[in-house]
């Protein structure tokens, strides 16, 4: 059940991050959205622990942190992808 919750939260966070970055309401690559959402959760948790002064603790974050982390992941991912093309 926990895996379904992680995948669901990651998909929602990635979808919202994609919409924030102008990807539209219907993403072309759902795998990219899902991976960005799940990875974004951990990036958001890392940023939250750095801001809180806890050091470099990697931990999952809530929905807001996941969306912010997914935006960062998508920006980096798209920059790398455009550089390769």
PDB file of N, CA and C in Angstrom:
ATOM      1  N   UNK A   1       0.815  -1.191   0.000  1.00  0.00           N
ATOM      2  CA  UNK A   1       0.000   0.000   0.000  1.00  0.00           C
ATOM      3  C   UNK A   1       0.863   1.260   0.000  1.00  0.00           C
ATOM      4  N   UNK A   2       1.995   1.197   0.693  1.00  0.00           N
ATOM      5  CA  UNK A   2       2.896   2.347   0.745  1.00  0.00           C
ATOM      6  C   UNK A   2       3.451   2.664  -0.635  1.00  0.00           C
ATOM      7  N   UNK A   3       3.749   1.644  -1.412  1.00  0.00           N
ATOM      8  CA  UNK A   3       4.282   1.859  -2.760  1.00  0.00           C
ATOM      9  C   UNK A   3       3.252   2.577  -3.627  1.00  0.00           C
ATOM     10  N   UNK A   4       1.982   2.201  -3.516  1.00  0.00           N
ATOM     11  CA  UNK A   4       0.926   2.876  -4.277  1.00  0.00           C
ATOM     12  C   UNK A   4       0.805   4.339  -3.863  1.00  0.00           C
ATOM     13  N   UNK A   5       0.969   4.616  -2.584  1.00  0.00           N
ATOM     14  CA  UNK A   5       0.904   6.000  -2.109  1.00  0.00           C
ATOM     15  C   UNK A   5       2.082   6.814  -2.642  1.00  0.00           C
ATOM     16  N   UNK A   6       3.271   6.222  -2.659  1.00  0.00           N
ATOM     17  CA  UNK A   6       4.447   6.920  -3.173  1.00  0.00           C
ATOM     18  C   UNK A   6       4.294   7.199  -4.660  1.00  0.00           C
ATOM     19  N   UNK A   7       3.836   6.202  -5.404  1.00  0.00           N
ATOM     20  CA  UNK A   7       3.637   6.377  -6.844  1.00  0.00           C
ATOM     21  C   UNK A   7       2.535   7.401  -7.110  1.00  0.00           C
ATOM     22  N   UNK A   8       1.447   7.347  -6.363  1.00  0.00           N
ATOM     23  CA  UNK A   8       0.350   8.300  -6.542  1.00  0.00           C
ATOM     24  C   UNK A   8       0.773   9.722  -6.236  1.00  0.00           C
ATOM     25  N   UNK A   9       1.461   9.914  -5.110  1.00  0.00           N
ATOM     26  CA  UNK A   9       1.936  11.249  -4.744  1.00  0.00           C
ATOM     27  C   UNK A   9       2.964  11.743  -5.750  1.00  0.00           C
ATOM     28  N   UNK A  10       3.842  10.859  -6.207  1.00  0.00           N
ATOM     29  CA  UNK A  10       4.835  11.239  -7.205  1.00  0.00           C
ATOM     30  C   UNK A  10       4.200  11.638  -8.521  1.00  0.00           C
ATOM     31  N   UNK A  11       3.164  10.911  -8.921  1.00  0.00           N
ATOM     32  CA  UNK A  11       2.480  11.227 -10.172  1.00  0.00           C
ATOM     33  C   UNK A  11       1.765  12.584 -10.075  1.00  0.00           C
ATOM     34  N   UNK A  12       1.127  12.838  -8.957  1.00  0.00           N
ATOM     35  CA  UNK A  12       0.436  14.116  -8.762  1.00  0.00           C
ATOM     36  C   UNK A  12       1.440  15.267  -8.733  1.00  0.00           C
ATOM     37  N   UNK A  13       2.529  15.097  -7.987  1.00  0.00           N
ATOM     38  CA  UNK A  13       3.540  16.152  -7.890  1.00  0.00           C
ATOM     39  C   UNK A  13       4.193  16.406  -9.242  1.00  0.00           C
ATOM     40  N   UNK A  14       4.517  15.350  -9.964  1.00  0.00           N
ATOM     41  CA  UNK A  14       5.118  15.510 -11.282  1.00  0.00           C
ATOM     42  C   UNK A  14       4.181  16.156 -12.280  1.00  0.00           C
ATOM     43  N   UNK A  15       2.899  15.776 -12.216  1.00  0.00           N
ATOM     44  CA  UNK A  15       1.898  16.359 -13.104  1.00  0.00           C
ATOM     45  C   UNK A  15       1.755  17.861 -12.846  1.00  0.00           C
ATOM     46  N   UNK A  16       1.680  18.238 -11.570  1.00  0.00           N
ATOM     47  CA  UNK A  16       1.550  19.651 -11.234  1.00  0.00           C
ATOM     48  C   UNK A  16       2.811  20.437 -11.590  1.00  0.00           C
ATOM     49  N   UNK A  17       3.981  19.834 -11.386  1.00  0.00           N
ATOM     50  CA  UNK A  17       5.231  20.497 -11.764  1.00  0.00           C
ATOM     51  C   UNK A  17       5.298  20.689 -13.273  1.00  0.00           C
ATOM     52  N   UNK A  18       4.852  19.690 -14.024  1.00  0.00           N
ATOM     53  CA  UNK A  18       4.821  19.794 -15.483  1.00  0.00           C
ATOM     54  C   UNK A  18       3.869  20.909 -15.919  1.00  0.00           C
ATOM     55  N   UNK A  19       2.726  21.017 -15.260  1.00  0.00           N
ATOM     56  CA  UNK A  19       1.772  22.076 -15.592  1.00  0.00           C
ATOM     57  C   UNK A  19       2.338  23.458 -15.241  1.00  0.00           C
ATOM     58  N   UNK A  20       3.072  23.555 -14.128  1.00  0.00           N
ATOM     59  CA  UNK A  20       3.683  24.830 -13.735  1.00  0.00           C
ATOM     60  C   UNK A  20       4.714  25.273 -14.765  1.00  0.00           C
ATOM     61  N   UNK A  21       5.459  24.320 -15.309  1.00  0.00           N
ATOM     62  CA  UNK A  21       6.505  24.640 -16.284  1.00  0.00           C
ATOM     63  C   UNK A  21       5.974  24.788 -17.697  1.00  0.00           C
ATOM     64  N   UNK A  22       4.665  24.754 -17.875  1.00  0.00           N
ATOM     65  CA  UNK A  22       4.082  24.977 -19.188  1.00  0.00           C
ATOM     66  C   UNK A  22       3.998  23.739 -20.052  1.00  0.00           C
ATOM     67  N   UNK A  23       4.017  22.568 -19.444  1.00  0.00           N
ATOM     68  CA  UNK A  23       3.945  21.323 -20.195  1.00  0.00           C
ATOM     69  C   UNK A  23       2.550  20.974 -20.656  1.00  0.00           C
ATOM     70  N   UNK A  24       1.567  21.737 -20.239  1.00  0.00           N
ATOM     71  CA  UNK A  24       0.198  21.488 -20.661  1.00  0.00           C
ATOM     72  C   UNK A  24      -0.530  20.547 -19.711  1.00  0.00           C
ATOM     73  N   UNK A  25      -1.800  20.370 -19.989  1.00  0.00           N
ATOM     74  CA  UNK A  25      -2.640  19.527 -19.135  1.00  0.00           C
ATOM     75  C   UNK A  25      -2.487  18.041 -19.453  1.00  0.00           C
ATOM     76  N   UNK A  26      -1.935  17.729 -20.621  1.00  0.00           N
ATOM     77  CA  UNK A  26      -1.768  16.333 -21.029  1.00  0.00           C
ATOM     78  C   UNK A  26      -0.302  16.089 -21.358  1.00  0.00           C
ATOM     79  N   UNK A  27       0.472  15.627 -20.379  1.00  0.00           N
ATOM     80  CA  UNK A  27       1.901  15.403 -20.621  1.00  0.00           C
ATOM     81  C   UNK A  27       2.135  14.337 -21.693  1.00  0.00           C
ATOM     82  N   UNK A  28       3.196  14.527 -22.470  1.00  0.00           N
ATOM     83  CA  UNK A  28       3.538  13.549 -23.509  1.00  0.00           C
ATOM     84  C   UNK A  28       4.228  12.330 -22.928  1.00  0.00           C
ATOM     85  N   UNK A  29       5.025  12.525 -21.888  1.00  0.00           N
ATOM     86  CA  UNK A  29       5.812  11.438 -21.326  1.00  0.00           C
ATOM     87  C   UNK A  29       5.453  11.254 -19.851  1.00  0.00           C
ATOM     88  N   UNK A  30       4.589  10.301 -19.556  1.00  0.00           N
ATOM     89  CA  UNK A  30       4.147  10.074 -18.186  1.00  0.00           C
ATOM     90  C   UNK A  30       5.257   9.479 -17.324  1.00  0.00           C
ATOM     91  N   UNK A  31       6.193   8.769 -17.945  1.00  0.00           N
ATOM     92  CA  UNK A  31       7.311   8.220 -17.181  1.00  0.00           C
ATOM     93  C   UNK A  31       8.169   9.348 -16.627  1.00  0.00           C
ATOM     94  N   UNK A  32       8.430  10.349 -17.449  1.00  0.00           N
ATOM     95  CA  UNK A  32       9.196  11.508 -17.008  1.00  0.00           C
ATOM     96  C   UNK A  32       8.491  12.216 -15.858  1.00  0.00           C
ATOM     97  N   UNK A  33       7.185  12.346 -15.959  1.00  0.00           N
ATOM     98  CA  UNK A  33       6.395  13.009 -14.919  1.00  0.00           C
ATOM     99  C   UNK A  33       6.455  12.223 -13.614  1.00  0.00           C
ATOM    100  N   UNK A  34       6.317  10.903 -13.695  1.00  0.00           N
ATOM    101  CA  UNK A  34       6.334  10.061 -12.499  1.00  0.00           C
ATOM    102  C   UNK A  34       7.709  10.071 -11.840  1.00  0.00           C
ATOM    103  N   UNK A  35       8.756   9.903 -12.627  1.00  0.00           N
ATOM    104  CA  UNK A  35      10.113   9.892 -12.064  1.00  0.00           C
ATOM    105  C   UNK A  35      10.450  11.253 -11.463  1.00  0.00           C
ATOM    106  N   UNK A  36      10.058  12.323 -12.134  1.00  0.00           N
ATOM    107  CA  UNK A  36      10.315  13.669 -11.606  1.00  0.00           C
ATOM    108  C   UNK A  36       9.564  13.888 -10.297  1.00  0.00           C
ATOM    109  N   UNK A  37       8.353  13.369 -10.192  1.00  0.00           N
ATOM    110  CA  UNK A  37       7.585  13.529  -8.957  1.00  0.00           C
ATOM    111  C   UNK A  37       8.180  12.773  -7.785  1.00  0.00           C
ATOM    112  N   UNK A  38       8.585  11.534  -8.015  1.00  0.00           N
ATOM    113  CA  UNK A  38       9.170  10.729  -6.934  1.00  0.00           C
ATOM    114  C   UNK A  38      10.540  11.278  -6.553  1.00  0.00           C
ATOM    115  N   UNK A  39      11.376  11.576  -7.548  1.00  0.00           N
ATOM    116  CA  UNK A  39      12.694  12.155  -7.255  1.00  0.00           C
ATOM    117  C   UNK A  39      12.542  13.542  -6.632  1.00  0.00           C
ATOM    118  N   UNK A  40      11.535  14.275  -7.080  1.00  0.00           N
ATOM    119  CA  UNK A  40      11.284  15.600  -6.530  1.00  0.00           C
ATOM    120  C   UNK A  40      10.908  15.581  -5.063  1.00  0.00           C
ATOM    121  N   UNK A  41      10.276  14.514  -4.628  1.00  0.00           N
ATOM    122  CA  UNK A  41       9.946  14.381  -3.221  1.00  0.00           C
ATOM    123  C   UNK A  41      11.213  14.340  -2.371  1.00  0.00           C
ATOM    124  N   UNK A  42      12.203  13.615  -2.846  1.00  0.00           N
ATOM    125  CA  UNK A  42      13.448  13.522  -2.097  1.00  0.00           C
ATOM    126  C   UNK A  42      14.290  14.794  -2.234  1.00  0.00           C
ATOM    127  N   UNK A  43      14.245  15.439  -3.386  1.00  0.00           N
ATOM    128  CA  UNK A  43      14.936  16.717  -3.557  1.00  0.00           C
ATOM    129  C   UNK A  43      14.303  17.766  -2.647  1.00  0.00           C
ATOM    130  N   UNK A  44      12.979  17.788  -2.586  1.00  0.00           N
ATOM    131  CA  UNK A  44      12.283  18.711  -1.686  1.00  0.00           C
ATOM    132  C   UNK A  44      12.601  18.436  -0.229  1.00  0.00           C
ATOM    133  N   UNK A  45      12.698  17.156   0.133  1.00  0.00           N
ATOM    134  CA  UNK A  45      13.070  16.798   1.505  1.00  0.00           C
ATOM    135  C   UNK A  45      14.490  17.209   1.840  1.00  0.00           C
ATOM    136  N   UNK A  46      15.396  17.072   0.860  1.00  0.00           N
ATOM    137  CA  UNK A  46      16.780  17.497   1.064  1.00  0.00           C
ATOM    138  C   UNK A  46      16.851  19.005   1.256  1.00  0.00           C
ATOM    139  N   UNK A  47      16.120  19.751   0.435  1.00  0.00           N
ATOM    140  CA  UNK A  47      16.099  21.209   0.582  1.00  0.00           C
ATOM    141  C   UNK A  47      15.502  21.625   1.921  1.00  0.00           C
ATOM    142  N   UNK A  48      14.453  20.929   2.346  1.00  0.00           N
ATOM    143  CA  UNK A  48      13.832  21.261   3.634  1.00  0.00           C
ATOM    144  C   UNK A  48      14.797  21.000   4.787  1.00  0.00           C
ATOM    145  N   UNK A  49      15.555  19.902   4.724  1.00  0.00           N
ATOM    146  CA  UNK A  49      16.501  19.622   5.804  1.00  0.00           C
ATOM    147  C   UNK A  49      17.679  20.596   5.784  1.00  0.00           C
ATOM    148  N   UNK A  50      18.069  21.060   4.585  1.00  0.00           N
ATOM    149  CA  UNK A  50      19.131  22.069   4.527  1.00  0.00           C
ATOM    150  C   UNK A  50      18.665  23.397   5.098  1.00  0.00           C
ATOM    151  N   UNK A  51      17.432  23.787   4.777  1.00  0.00           N
ATOM    152  CA  UNK A  51      16.885  25.042   5.296  1.00  0.00           C
ATOM    153  C   UNK A  51      16.695  24.971   6.805  1.00  0.00           C
ATOM    154  N   UNK A  52      16.268  23.802   7.302  1.00  0.00           N
ATOM    155  CA  UNK A  52      16.042  23.642   8.734  1.00  0.00           C
ATOM    156  C   UNK A  52      17.346  23.514   9.523  1.00  0.00           C
ATOM    157  N   UNK A  53      18.460  23.314   8.823  1.00  0.00           N
ATOM    158  CA  UNK A  53      19.746  23.195   9.509  1.00  0.00           C
ATOM    159  C   UNK A  53      20.050  21.787   9.967  1.00  0.00           C
ATOM    160  N   UNK A  54      19.391  20.784   9.391  1.00  0.00           N
ATOM    161  CA  UNK A  54      19.617  19.390   9.773  1.00  0.00           C
ATOM    162  C   UNK A  54      20.761  18.750   8.995  1.00  0.00           C
ATOM    163  N   UNK A  55      21.362  19.463   8.091  1.00  0.00           N
ATOM    164  CA  UNK A  55      22.443  18.897   7.288  1.00  0.00           C
ATOM    165  C   UNK A  55      21.903  18.246   6.036  1.00  0.00           C
ATOM    166  N   UNK A  56      22.666  17.330   5.489  1.00  0.00           N
ATOM    167  CA  UNK A  56      22.300  16.658   4.244  1.00  0.00           C
ATOM    168  C   UNK A  56      21.535  15.364   4.520  1.00  0.00           C
ATOM    169  N   UNK A  57      20.368  15.465   5.076  1.00  0.00           N
ATOM    170  CA  UNK A  57      19.519  14.297   5.309  1.00  0.00           C
ATOM    171  C   UNK A  57      18.553  14.158   4.139  1.00  0.00           C
ATOM    172  N   UNK A  58      18.605  13.012   3.485  1.00  0.00           N
ATOM    173  CA  UNK A  58      17.693  12.756   2.370  1.00  0.00           C
ATOM    174  C   UNK A  58      16.453  12.081   2.938  1.00  0.00           C
ATOM    175  N   UNK A  59      15.325  12.722   2.767  1.00  0.00           N
ATOM    176  CA  UNK A  59      14.061  12.182   3.263  1.00  0.00           C
ATOM    177  C   UNK A  59      12.932  12.654   2.360  1.00  0.00           C
ATOM    178  N   UNK A  60      11.852  11.896   2.308  1.00  0.00           N
ATOM    179  CA  UNK A  60      10.722  12.333   1.482  1.00  0.00           C
ATOM    180  C   UNK A  60      10.038  13.538   2.126  1.00  0.00           C
ATOM    181  N   UNK A  61       9.404  14.348   1.286  1.00  0.00           N
ATOM    182  CA  UNK A  61       8.714  15.526   1.795  1.00  0.00           C
ATOM    183  C   UNK A  61       7.229  15.424   1.484  1.00  0.00           C
ATOM    184  N   UNK A  62       6.488  16.402   1.903  1.00  0.00           N
ATOM    185  CA  UNK A  62       5.055  16.439   1.642  1.00  0.00           C
ATOM    186  C   UNK A  62       4.753  16.880   0.228  1.00  0.00           C
ATOM    187  N   UNK A  63       3.514  17.198  -0.033  1.00  0.00           N
ATOM    188  CA  UNK A  63       3.080  17.527  -1.387  1.00  0.00           C
ATOM    189  C   UNK A  63       3.723  18.814  -1.902  1.00  0.00           C
ATOM    190  N   UNK A  64       3.795  19.844  -1.084  1.00  0.00           N
ATOM    191  CA  UNK A  64       4.384  21.112  -1.515  1.00  0.00           C
ATOM    192  C   UNK A  64       5.874  20.932  -1.811  1.00  0.00           C
ATOM    193  N   UNK A  65       6.589  20.274  -0.924  1.00  0.00           N
ATOM    194  CA  UNK A  65       8.013  20.015  -1.149  1.00  0.00           C
ATOM    195  C   UNK A  65       8.239  19.125  -2.352  1.00  0.00           C
ATOM    196  N   UNK A  66       7.335  18.173  -2.568  1.00  0.00           N
ATOM    197  CA  UNK A  66       7.451  17.291  -3.727  1.00  0.00           C
ATOM    198  C   UNK A  66       7.262  18.062  -5.027  1.00  0.00           C
ATOM    199  N   UNK A  67       6.310  18.982  -5.041  1.00  0.00           N
ATOM    200  CA  UNK A  67       6.071  19.779  -6.249  1.00  0.00           C
ATOM    201  C   UNK A  67       7.277  20.678  -6.534  1.00  0.00           C
ATOM    202  N   UNK A  68       7.803  21.350  -5.501  1.00  0.00           N
ATOM    203  CA  UNK A  68       8.976  22.204  -5.693  1.00  0.00           C
ATOM    204  C   UNK A  68      10.182  21.386  -6.149  1.00  0.00           C
ATOM    205  N   UNK A  69      10.377  20.231  -5.542  1.00  0.00           N
ATOM    206  CA  UNK A  69      11.474  19.362  -5.956  1.00  0.00           C
ATOM    207  C   UNK A  69      11.288  18.845  -7.366  1.00  0.00           C
ATOM    208  N   UNK A  70      10.052  18.519  -7.742  1.00  0.00           N
ATOM    209  CA  UNK A  70       9.778  18.026  -9.094  1.00  0.00           C
ATOM    210  C   UNK A  70      10.006  19.116 -10.132  1.00  0.00           C
ATOM    211  N   UNK A  71       9.700  20.359  -9.782  1.00  0.00           N
ATOM    212  CA  UNK A  71       9.991  21.470 -10.699  1.00  0.00           C
ATOM    213  C   UNK A  71      11.500  21.555 -10.935  1.00  0.00           C
ATOM    214  N   UNK A  72      12.279  21.434  -9.877  1.00  0.00           N
ATOM    215  CA  UNK A  72      13.738  21.478 -10.002  1.00  0.00           C
ATOM    216  C   UNK A  72      14.240  20.316 -10.850  1.00  0.00           C
ATOM    217  N   UNK A  73      13.721  19.116 -10.578  1.00  0.00           N
ATOM    218  CA  UNK A  73      14.140  17.932 -11.327  1.00  0.00           C
ATOM    219  C   UNK A  73      13.781  18.072 -12.803  1.00  0.00           C
ATOM    220  N   UNK A  74      12.572  18.541 -13.099  1.00  0.00           N
ATOM    221  CA  UNK A  74      12.167  18.702 -14.497  1.00  0.00           C
ATOM    222  C   UNK A  74      12.990  19.763 -15.225  1.00  0.00           C
ATOM    223  N   UNK A  75      13.324  20.848 -14.560  1.00  0.00           N
ATOM    224  CA  UNK A  75      14.141  21.883 -15.187  1.00  0.00           C
ATOM    225  C   UNK A  75      15.523  21.324 -15.531  1.00  0.00           C
ATOM    226  N   UNK A  76      16.128  20.610 -14.594  1.00  0.00           N
ATOM    227  CA  UNK A  76      17.445  20.019 -14.841  1.00  0.00           C
ATOM    228  C   UNK A  76      17.355  18.956 -15.929  1.00  0.00           C
ATOM    229  N   UNK A  77      16.326  18.095 -15.846  1.00  0.00           N
ATOM    230  CA  UNK A  77      16.150  17.019 -16.820  1.00  0.00           C
ATOM    231  C   UNK A  77      15.993  17.583 -18.232  1.00  0.00           C
ATOM    232  N   UNK A  78      15.158  18.610 -18.383  1.00  0.00           N
ATOM    233  CA  UNK A  78      14.927  19.189 -19.705  1.00  0.00           C
ATOM    234  C   UNK A  78      16.151  19.935 -20.213  1.00  0.00           C
ATOM    235  N   UNK A  79      16.936  20.533 -19.318  1.00  0.00           N
ATOM    236  CA  UNK A  79      18.168  21.209 -19.731  1.00  0.00           C
ATOM    237  C   UNK A  79      19.176  20.186 -20.254  1.00  0.00           C
ATOM    238  N   UNK A  80      19.283  19.062 -19.588  1.00  0.00           N
ATOM    239  CA  UNK A  80      20.199  18.009 -20.036  1.00  0.00           C
ATOM    240  C   UNK A  80      19.721  17.413 -21.351  1.00  0.00           C
ATOM    241  N   UNK A  81      18.411  17.193 -21.453  1.00  0.00           N
ATOM    242  CA  UNK A  81      17.859  16.617 -22.679  1.00  0.00           C
ATOM    243  C   UNK A  81      18.037  17.553 -23.873  1.00  0.00           C
ATOM    244  N   UNK A  82      17.847  18.851 -23.673  1.00  0.00           N
ATOM    245  CA  UNK A  82      18.004  19.801 -24.780  1.00  0.00           C
ATOM    246  C   UNK A  82      19.475  19.970 -25.167  1.00  0.00           C
ATOM    247  N   UNK A  83      20.367  19.790 -24.228  1.00  0.00           N
ATOM    248  CA  UNK A  83      21.794  19.893 -24.517  1.00  0.00           C
ATOM    249  C   UNK A  83      22.266  18.703 -25.361  1.00  0.00           C
ATOM    250  N   UNK A  84      21.686  17.528 -25.112  1.00  0.00           N
ATOM    251  CA  UNK A  84      22.040  16.334 -25.876  1.00  0.00           C
ATOM    252  C   UNK A  84      21.505  16.377 -27.299  1.00  0.00           C
ATOM    253  N   UNK A  85      20.357  17.021 -27.494  1.00  0.00           N
ATOM    254  CA  UNK A  85      19.717  17.028 -28.814  1.00  0.00           C
ATOM    255  C   UNK A  85      20.358  17.978 -29.794  1.00  0.00           C
TER     256      UNK A  85
END
